[in-house]
Amino acid sequence: MRKLLSLFTAATLITTTTTTVVACNTAPQGNPVSVFVYNGTQKFSHAPTVTGKSVDGIDDATKSGKDETGAPYEYSLQQGRMGLISNVIVPFLTGVNLTKDNSKTTGKGANWTSDQIAAGLQGQKDNIISNAKTDGSDPFDNTKKIDQKKLWTEFFTNYSTSYDSYYTQVALLANENQKVQDPNNKNLVTMTGNAEKTSNKDWVKEHTWSNSKKGVYTPPSLKTLSPVATILDWLNDPNNNYNKGYNQVDENRGYQSARYIAVTIPDVTIRFEFQGEHKRFTFSATIDKLVAYANYLVYKDPNSSTDKPTYAHQWFFLSYGFYDFSKLTNDDYHDYNFQIPGLPIDPSIKIALGYVKQGDKDGTLTTDEDKKVDKEGQFPSLSPDYAFPDLKWKINVDSITDQYN
């Protein structure tokens, strides 16, 4: 697969199922890259043959289960149209493998910046090899010393010239993403409401909040990164003043001013597994700022009658993306440092709030005011000249190891 990512374009990097992405279309039927979440610390390996099994840890991460220590892993990150695979893994995998030759496509908005090209594997090759240690620590066992300079040198030999080398696994690991973990149960992902379920009569139910407050609600069925679910739980609880429409069953409109949330999680690390001729390399790269978006939505209760419909008001996860909100300052429709005291999330995680009533982040709107809402509260658009202008990352030199050893 010479010049691996000359073939990585918006057309060939697609979601093939709910849990795979296409690595390269030159191999027969394409090479699926499995993607999984793992809460343990041991080595993992997608091992399609008996040879090449890892000594311990996960031998086939194309399934869900637990390793021998009881740490869970799961072979699913999608569960939603705009999940981690389509909106994070695909563009990030593309970015890490950028070169000047493959950084443009014929589609509008497909350009990448010069800084992004320089941050890719090819752009960082010399720096990575020169800074790698000959006595580095294995990222899965810090008592074990390995020659990472040799491993990187062998990786780039396979990466640039080996026809049958390709990515075999992409993973989100707990020990590399402590900021993402729920502090109570250490889970990387947590269920939240799925907007796609709002038309399902068997799913939408009446919900009782604390203090006996009741309202129509779509229960959790969509897995998001844990801090996102924690924040949405807080927003949806009417006792916290940001779901004022929970009991406004006759209101088929945006009842409240607060409408948009963006959650910035810094330093999210993705681990890549790459099959070489004789070794199965794994290394990681860290996304500078990963953003999760959520909206306040109003939807018809599918259990209400046609002649007298009622409505529900709820916050839902929308999608992931990349945005540097630190560049922006507060205005009459945005609070880019929205505070939720006492919330059990890492303090480095930042929240941006968009609201549609000037200067009023937690008020209600009259029917006439709601009719006049346009783009107020929406977050500013990024440059249309680039695919992902705020996607920044670094390749972690000390992260490489050989999964076979």
Protein backbone atom coordinates (compact mmCIF):
# COMPACT_ATOMS: atom_id res chain seq x y z
CA MET A 1 0.00 0.00 0.00
CA ARG A 2 2.57 2.51 -1.18
CA LYS A 3 1.82 6.12 -0.32
CA LEU A 4 -0.87 4.94 2.07
CA LEU A 5 -2.81 8.13 2.52
CA SER A 6 -2.70 9.36 -1.07
CA LEU A 7 -5.95 7.40 -1.15
CA PHE A 8 -7.39 8.86 2.04
CA THR A 9 -10.05 11.24 0.77
CA ALA A 10 -13.53 12.16 1.82
CA ALA A 11 -14.79 9.57 -0.66
CA THR A 12 -12.77 6.56 0.48
CA LEU A 13 -12.69 7.24 4.22
CA ILE A 14 -16.25 6.24 4.97
CA THR A 15 -18.15 4.48 7.69
CA THR A 16 -18.68 0.94 6.42
CA THR A 17 -20.66 -0.32 9.41
CA THR A 18 -21.45 1.08 12.81
CA THR A 19 -18.04 0.02 14.06
CA THR A 20 -15.54 0.18 11.21
CA VAL A 21 -13.87 2.64 8.90
CA VAL A 22 -12.07 1.92 5.66
CA ALA A 23 -8.29 2.14 5.89
CA CYS A 24 -7.35 1.80 2.24
CA ASN A 25 -9.22 0.74 -0.87
CA THR A 26 -6.27 -0.88 -2.64
CA ALA A 27 -6.53 -4.16 -0.72
CA PRO A 28 -9.25 -6.66 -1.66
CA GLN A 29 -12.64 -5.25 -0.53
CA GLY A 30 -10.78 -2.64 1.53
CA ASN A 31 -9.20 -3.14 4.94
CA PRO A 32 -11.65 -2.49 7.77
CA VAL A 33 -10.22 -0.73 10.81
CA SER A 34 -11.98 -1.82 13.98
CA VAL A 35 -12.54 0.83 16.61
CA PHE A 36 -13.07 0.13 20.30
CA VAL A 37 -13.11 1.52 23.84
CA TYR A 38 -11.04 -0.21 26.53
CA ASN A 39 -11.04 0.56 30.25
CA GLY A 40 -8.04 -1.65 31.04
CA THR A 41 -4.29 -1.23 30.88
CA GLN A 42 -3.08 -4.33 29.05
CA LYS A 43 -1.98 -4.69 25.45
CA PHE A 44 -4.67 -5.21 22.85
CA SER A 45 -4.45 -6.79 19.44
CA HIS A 46 -6.80 -7.43 16.57
CA ALA A 47 -5.48 -10.90 15.81
CA PRO A 48 -7.20 -12.52 12.83
CA THR A 49 -4.89 -15.55 12.89
CA VAL A 50 -3.58 -17.83 15.61
CA THR A 51 -0.07 -16.55 15.03
CA GLY A 52 0.43 -13.03 16.20
CA LYS A 53 -1.67 -13.34 19.33
CA SER A 54 -0.65 -11.03 22.13
CA VAL A 55 0.84 -12.62 25.23
CA ASP A 56 -1.98 -11.27 27.39
CA GLY A 57 -4.68 -8.61 27.25
CA ILE A 58 -7.20 -8.62 24.40
CA ASP A 59 -6.48 -10.94 21.49
CA ASP A 60 -9.50 -9.98 19.41
CA ALA A 61 -10.88 -6.54 20.01
CA THR A 62 -13.54 -6.94 17.33
CA LYS A 63 -15.80 -8.14 20.13
CA SER A 64 -17.04 -6.78 23.44
CA GLY A 65 -16.24 -8.31 26.79
CA LYS A 66 -13.75 -8.15 29.66
CA ASP A 67 -10.05 -8.96 29.90
CA GLU A 68 -8.74 -11.37 32.54
CA THR A 69 -8.55 -8.54 35.11
CA GLY A 70 -12.25 -7.77 34.62
CA ALA A 71 -11.67 -4.50 32.75
CA PRO A 72 -14.41 -4.02 30.12
CA TYR A 73 -13.91 -3.28 26.46
CA GLU A 74 -16.47 -2.74 23.74
CA TYR A 75 -16.41 -2.86 19.98
CA SER A 76 -18.67 0.08 19.25
CA LEU A 77 -18.19 3.82 19.13
CA GLN A 78 -20.81 4.93 16.65
CA GLN A 79 -24.40 4.47 17.93
CA GLY A 80 -25.50 7.70 16.30
CA ARG A 81 -25.07 9.35 12.96
CA MET A 82 -22.49 11.84 14.14
CA GLY A 83 -20.51 9.72 16.56
CA LEU A 84 -16.84 9.27 17.31
CA ILE A 85 -16.10 7.28 14.17
CA SER A 86 -17.57 9.57 11.56
CA ASN A 87 -16.77 12.92 13.20
CA VAL A 88 -13.54 12.19 15.10
CA ILE A 89 -11.72 9.02 14.06
CA VAL A 90 -12.13 9.49 10.30
CA PRO A 91 -10.86 13.09 10.09
CA PHE A 92 -8.16 12.46 12.70
CA LEU A 93 -6.87 9.37 10.93
CA THR A 94 -6.80 11.43 7.74
CA GLY A 95 -4.93 14.27 9.45
CA VAL A 96 -2.27 12.10 11.05
CA ASN A 97 -1.49 10.65 7.62
CA LEU A 98 -1.41 13.90 5.66
CA THR A 99 1.24 14.72 3.07
CA LYS A 100 1.43 17.54 0.56
CA ASP A 101 0.29 15.11 -2.12
CA ASN A 102 -2.91 13.99 -0.41
CA SER A 103 -4.01 17.15 1.41
CA LYS A 104 -6.46 18.30 -1.24
CA THR A 105 -9.42 16.75 -2.97
CA THR A 106 -11.80 18.06 -5.60
CA GLY A 107 -14.54 18.63 -3.03
CA LYS A 108 -15.18 22.07 -1.57
CA GLY A 109 -13.74 22.63 1.88
CA ALA A 110 -11.32 19.70 1.70
CA ASN A 111 -8.08 21.66 2.08
CA TRP A 112 -5.78 21.20 5.05
CA THR A 113 -3.49 23.85 6.53
CA SER A 114 0.27 23.78 6.17
CA ASP A 115 0.59 23.35 9.94
CA GLN A 116 -1.65 20.27 9.80
CA ILE A 117 0.37 18.76 6.97
CA ALA A 118 3.57 19.40 8.93
CA ALA A 119 2.06 17.71 12.02
CA GLY A 120 1.40 14.42 10.19
CA LEU A 121 3.51 11.30 10.35
CA GLN A 122 5.47 12.12 7.20
CA GLY A 123 6.00 15.71 8.29
CA GLN A 124 7.22 14.63 11.73
CA LYS A 125 9.20 11.58 10.63
CA ASP A 126 12.70 13.02 11.18
CA ASN A 127 11.75 14.65 14.50
CA ILE A 128 10.10 11.49 15.77
CA ILE A 129 13.07 9.25 14.99
CA SER A 130 15.64 11.72 16.32
CA ASN A 131 13.73 12.24 19.60
CA ALA A 132 12.82 8.59 20.20
CA LYS A 133 14.65 6.81 23.01
CA THR A 134 16.67 3.64 22.72
CA ASP A 135 15.67 2.78 26.31
CA GLY A 136 12.07 3.99 26.37
CA SER A 137 9.33 2.53 28.54
CA ASP A 138 6.67 0.29 27.10
CA PRO A 139 3.41 2.30 27.43
CA PHE A 140 1.62 -0.84 28.66
CA ASP A 141 4.36 -1.84 31.12
CA ASN A 142 6.61 0.93 32.43
CA THR A 143 8.99 -1.60 33.96
CA LYS A 144 9.84 -2.89 30.49
CA LYS A 145 12.46 -1.03 28.46
CA ILE A 146 12.20 -1.01 24.66
CA ASP A 147 14.17 0.55 21.80
CA GLN A 148 11.60 3.02 20.51
CA LYS A 149 14.03 4.60 18.06
CA LYS A 150 14.37 1.24 16.35
CA LEU A 151 10.62 0.67 16.40
CA TRP A 152 9.87 4.06 14.81
CA THR A 153 12.53 3.47 12.17
CA GLU A 154 10.99 0.10 11.33
CA PHE A 155 7.50 1.60 11.37
CA PHE A 156 8.37 4.26 8.80
CA THR A 157 10.05 1.65 6.61
CA ASN A 158 6.80 -0.33 6.57
CA TYR A 159 4.59 2.75 6.44
CA SER A 160 6.20 4.23 3.37
CA THR A 161 7.07 1.19 1.27
CA SER A 162 5.26 -1.96 2.39
CA TYR A 163 2.32 -2.81 0.13
CA ASP A 164 0.48 -5.03 2.60
CA SER A 165 0.81 -2.86 5.71
CA TYR A 166 -2.25 -1.12 7.06
CA TYR A 167 -4.05 0.11 10.16
CA THR A 168 -5.78 -2.72 12.01
CA GLN A 169 -7.12 -1.04 15.12
CA VAL A 170 -8.01 2.38 16.50
CA ALA A 171 -8.70 2.61 20.22
CA LEU A 172 -9.72 4.97 22.98
CA LEU A 173 -7.99 3.73 26.15
CA ALA A 174 -8.81 4.66 29.72
CA ASN A 175 -5.23 4.88 30.93
CA GLU A 176 -4.50 7.47 28.24
CA ASN A 177 -7.70 9.49 28.76
CA GLN A 178 -8.26 10.07 32.45
CA LYS A 179 -9.97 13.42 31.76
CA VAL A 180 -12.65 11.61 29.80
CA GLN A 181 -13.44 9.06 32.51
CA ASP A 182 -16.43 9.33 34.78
CA PRO A 183 -14.84 9.83 38.23
CA ASN A 184 -17.42 7.58 39.88
CA ASN A 185 -17.16 4.45 37.74
CA LYS A 186 -14.14 5.23 35.49
CA ASN A 187 -16.18 4.66 32.34
CA LEU A 188 -15.05 6.42 29.18
CA VAL A 189 -18.52 6.41 27.63
CA THR A 190 -21.94 6.87 29.24
CA MET A 191 -25.50 6.62 27.94
CA THR A 192 -27.51 9.76 27.19
CA GLY A 193 -30.70 10.50 25.29
CA ASN A 194 -30.83 9.80 21.56
CA ALA A 195 -32.80 12.32 19.47
CA GLU A 196 -33.45 9.57 16.92
CA LYS A 197 -35.62 7.78 19.52
CA THR A 198 -38.04 10.70 20.01
CA SER A 199 -40.57 9.26 17.56
CA ASN A 200 -40.57 5.81 19.18
CA LYS A 201 -43.79 5.28 21.16
CA ASP A 202 -42.27 2.45 23.16
CA TRP A 203 -39.25 4.50 24.15
CA VAL A 204 -40.55 7.99 25.04
CA LYS A 205 -41.94 7.99 28.57
CA GLU A 206 -43.01 10.23 31.41
CA HIS A 207 -40.08 10.83 33.71
CA THR A 208 -40.08 11.85 37.36
CA TRP A 209 -37.26 14.16 38.41
CA SER A 210 -36.17 14.89 41.96
CA ASN A 211 -38.68 16.94 43.96
CA SER A 212 -41.41 14.98 42.13
CA LYS A 213 -41.24 17.10 38.97
CA LYS A 214 -42.59 15.19 35.96
CA GLY A 215 -42.25 15.59 32.22
CA VAL A 216 -42.10 13.70 28.92
CA TYR A 217 -38.57 12.40 28.38
CA THR A 218 -36.55 10.20 26.02
CA PRO A 219 -34.41 7.91 28.24
CA PRO A 220 -30.71 7.27 27.54
CA SER A 221 -29.79 4.96 24.66
CA LEU A 222 -26.85 6.73 23.01
CA LYS A 223 -23.27 6.40 24.23
CA THR A 224 -21.24 9.60 24.39
CA LEU A 225 -17.99 10.48 26.13
CA SER A 226 -18.79 10.47 29.83
CA PRO A 227 -18.36 14.20 30.58
CA VAL A 228 -20.87 15.01 27.84
CA ALA A 229 -23.50 12.71 29.36
CA THR A 230 -22.85 14.20 32.81
CA ILE A 231 -23.42 17.74 31.53
CA LEU A 232 -26.57 16.77 29.61
CA ASP A 233 -27.99 15.08 32.71
CA TRP A 234 -27.50 18.34 34.60
CA LEU A 235 -29.05 20.46 31.84
CA ASN A 236 -32.09 18.21 31.55
CA ASP A 237 -32.84 18.23 35.27
CA PRO A 238 -35.44 21.04 35.65
CA ASN A 239 -34.18 21.75 39.16
CA ASN A 240 -31.06 23.28 37.59
CA ASN A 241 -32.98 25.95 35.65
CA TYR A 242 -31.88 24.98 32.13
CA ASN A 243 -34.85 22.81 31.14
CA LYS A 244 -37.64 25.27 31.80
CA GLY A 245 -39.84 23.65 29.16
CA TYR A 246 -39.93 20.18 30.74
CA ASN A 247 -43.62 20.59 31.70
CA GLN A 248 -44.74 22.89 28.88
CA VAL A 249 -46.55 20.12 27.05
CA ASP A 250 -48.67 22.53 25.00
CA GLU A 251 -45.68 24.51 23.71
CA ASN A 252 -44.53 23.46 20.23
CA ARG A 253 -41.65 25.98 20.19
CA GLY A 254 -38.30 26.80 21.71
CA TYR A 255 -39.55 27.76 25.14
CA GLN A 256 -36.26 28.84 26.70
CA SER A 257 -33.40 31.16 25.77
CA ALA A 258 -30.57 28.64 26.28
CA ARG A 259 -30.35 26.50 23.13
CA TYR A 260 -26.77 25.47 22.35
CA ILE A 261 -23.95 23.82 24.31
CA ALA A 262 -20.39 22.99 23.29
CA VAL A 263 -18.19 20.88 25.57
CA THR A 264 -14.44 21.16 24.97
CA ILE A 265 -12.40 18.18 26.19
CA PRO A 266 -8.64 18.82 25.92
CA ASP A 267 -5.94 16.27 25.14
CA VAL A 268 -8.02 13.33 23.93
CA THR A 269 -5.64 10.53 22.94
CA ILE A 270 -6.34 8.00 20.20
CA ARG A 271 -4.17 4.88 19.84
CA PHE A 272 -3.49 3.44 16.39
CA GLU A 273 -2.43 -0.12 15.60
CA PHE A 274 -0.51 -0.63 12.36
CA GLN A 275 0.42 -3.99 10.85
CA GLY A 276 3.95 -4.10 9.49
CA GLU A 277 5.75 -6.92 7.74
CA HIS A 278 7.02 -8.50 10.96
CA LYS A 279 5.59 -6.33 13.76
CA ARG A 280 2.23 -4.98 14.83
CA PHE A 281 3.08 -1.42 15.85
CA THR A 282 0.89 0.68 18.10
CA PHE A 283 1.33 4.38 18.83
CA SER A 284 -0.85 7.27 19.94
CA ALA A 285 -1.59 10.84 18.94
CA THR A 286 -3.37 13.46 21.04
CA ILE A 287 -6.09 15.82 19.83
CA ASP A 288 -5.62 19.30 21.26
CA LYS A 289 -9.33 20.12 21.66
CA LEU A 290 -12.22 17.76 20.97
CA VAL A 291 -15.67 19.37 21.11
CA ALA A 292 -19.08 17.78 21.67
CA TYR A 293 -22.17 19.74 20.66
CA ALA A 294 -25.67 19.51 22.11
CA ASN A 295 -28.96 21.29 21.40
CA TYR A 296 -32.16 22.04 23.26
CA LEU A 297 -34.93 20.47 21.16
CA VAL A 298 -38.72 20.38 21.19
CA TYR A 299 -40.44 17.27 19.83
CA LYS A 300 -43.94 15.83 19.62
CA ASP A 301 -44.74 13.17 22.19
CA PRO A 302 -45.37 10.10 19.99
CA ASN A 303 -47.81 8.77 22.59
CA SER A 304 -50.09 11.81 22.35
CA SER A 305 -53.14 11.88 20.10
CA THR A 306 -53.10 13.35 16.60
CA ASP A 307 -55.95 15.75 17.28
CA LYS A 308 -54.44 16.96 20.57
CA PRO A 309 -50.64 16.56 20.40
CA THR A 310 -48.38 17.32 23.33
CA TYR A 311 -44.70 18.14 23.28
CA ALA A 312 -41.47 17.41 25.13
CA HIS A 313 -38.48 19.68 25.73
CA GLN A 314 -35.04 18.14 26.16
CA TRP A 315 -31.30 18.58 25.61
CA PHE A 316 -29.69 16.08 23.21
CA PHE A 317 -26.17 15.31 22.04
CA LEU A 318 -25.73 16.37 18.41
CA SER A 319 -22.20 15.70 17.16
CA TYR A 320 -18.46 15.92 17.75
CA GLY A 321 -16.07 18.34 16.10
CA PHE A 322 -12.98 20.49 16.58
CA TYR A 323 -13.18 24.11 17.69
CA ASP A 324 -10.95 26.44 19.70
CA PHE A 325 -13.40 28.44 21.80
CA SER A 326 -10.54 30.12 23.68
CA LYS A 327 -10.24 32.49 20.71
CA LEU A 328 -13.70 33.91 21.39
CA THR A 329 -14.95 36.43 23.95
CA ASN A 330 -18.36 36.60 25.60
CA ASP A 331 -21.10 38.65 23.94
CA ASP A 332 -24.85 39.21 24.27
CA TYR A 333 -25.62 35.70 23.04
CA HIS A 334 -22.71 33.56 24.25
CA ASP A 335 -20.97 32.57 27.45
CA TYR A 336 -17.76 30.82 26.44
CA ASN A 337 -16.84 29.97 30.02
CA PHE A 338 -20.16 28.68 31.32
CA GLN A 339 -19.78 27.40 34.86
CA ILE A 340 -21.62 24.49 36.47
CA PRO A 341 -20.38 24.38 40.10
CA GLY A 342 -19.88 20.99 41.66
CA LEU A 343 -20.23 18.99 38.46
CA PRO A 344 -18.13 15.76 38.60
CA ILE A 345 -16.01 16.41 35.50
CA ASP A 346 -12.34 17.26 35.05
CA PRO A 347 -11.76 21.00 35.69
CA SER A 348 -9.93 21.35 32.36
CA ILE A 349 -13.17 20.62 30.47
CA LYS A 350 -14.81 23.86 29.32
CA ILE A 351 -18.43 24.59 28.42
CA ALA A 352 -19.72 27.19 25.96
CA LEU A 353 -23.38 28.21 26.10
CA GLY A 354 -25.36 29.87 23.32
CA TYR A 355 -28.68 31.60 24.04
CA VAL A 356 -31.16 33.41 21.81
CA LYS A 357 -32.54 36.17 24.04
CA GLN A 358 -30.12 39.06 24.27
CA GLY A 359 -28.25 39.09 27.56
CA ASP A 360 -30.51 36.40 29.08
CA LYS A 361 -28.87 32.96 29.32
CA ASP A 362 -31.52 31.23 31.43
CA GLY A 363 -34.81 33.02 30.71
CA THR A 364 -37.94 32.05 28.80
CA LEU A 365 -39.28 33.37 25.51
CA THR A 366 -42.75 34.45 24.57
CA THR A 367 -44.30 33.06 21.39
CA ASP A 368 -43.58 36.33 19.56
CA GLU A 369 -39.97 36.40 20.74
CA ASP A 370 -39.44 32.82 19.59
CA LYS A 371 -40.76 33.67 16.11
CA LYS A 372 -38.05 36.31 15.74
CA VAL A 373 -35.13 34.00 16.62
CA ASP A 374 -32.68 33.65 13.72
CA LYS A 375 -29.04 32.65 14.25
CA GLU A 376 -28.64 34.20 17.66
CA GLY A 377 -26.76 31.92 20.03
CA GLN A 378 -25.32 29.72 17.32
CA PHE A 379 -21.55 29.41 17.44
CA PRO A 380 -19.54 31.29 14.79
CA SER A 381 -18.66 29.29 11.68
CA LEU A 382 -15.08 28.33 10.98
CA SER A 383 -13.25 29.09 7.73
CA PRO A 384 -14.97 27.39 4.76
CA ASP A 385 -11.61 27.16 2.99
CA TYR A 386 -10.41 24.27 5.15
CA ALA A 387 -11.82 20.89 6.12
CA PHE A 388 -11.11 21.07 9.86
CA PRO A 389 -9.19 24.30 10.57
CA ASP A 390 -9.21 23.90 14.38
CA LEU A 391 -8.11 20.25 14.41
CA LYS A 392 -4.68 20.19 16.02
CA TRP A 393 -2.73 17.24 17.37
CA LYS A 394 0.66 15.89 18.33
CA ILE A 395 2.10 12.45 17.69
CA ASN A 396 3.42 10.99 20.94
CA VAL A 397 6.99 9.87 20.36
CA ASP A 398 7.17 7.81 23.55
CA SER A 399 3.92 5.92 22.82
CA ILE A 400 5.15 3.32 20.34
CA THR A 401 5.46 -0.36 21.13
CA ASP A 402 5.20 -3.71 19.37
CA GLN A 403 1.99 -5.54 20.22
CA TYR A 404 3.62 -8.93 19.60
CA ASN A 405 6.19 -8.50 22.37
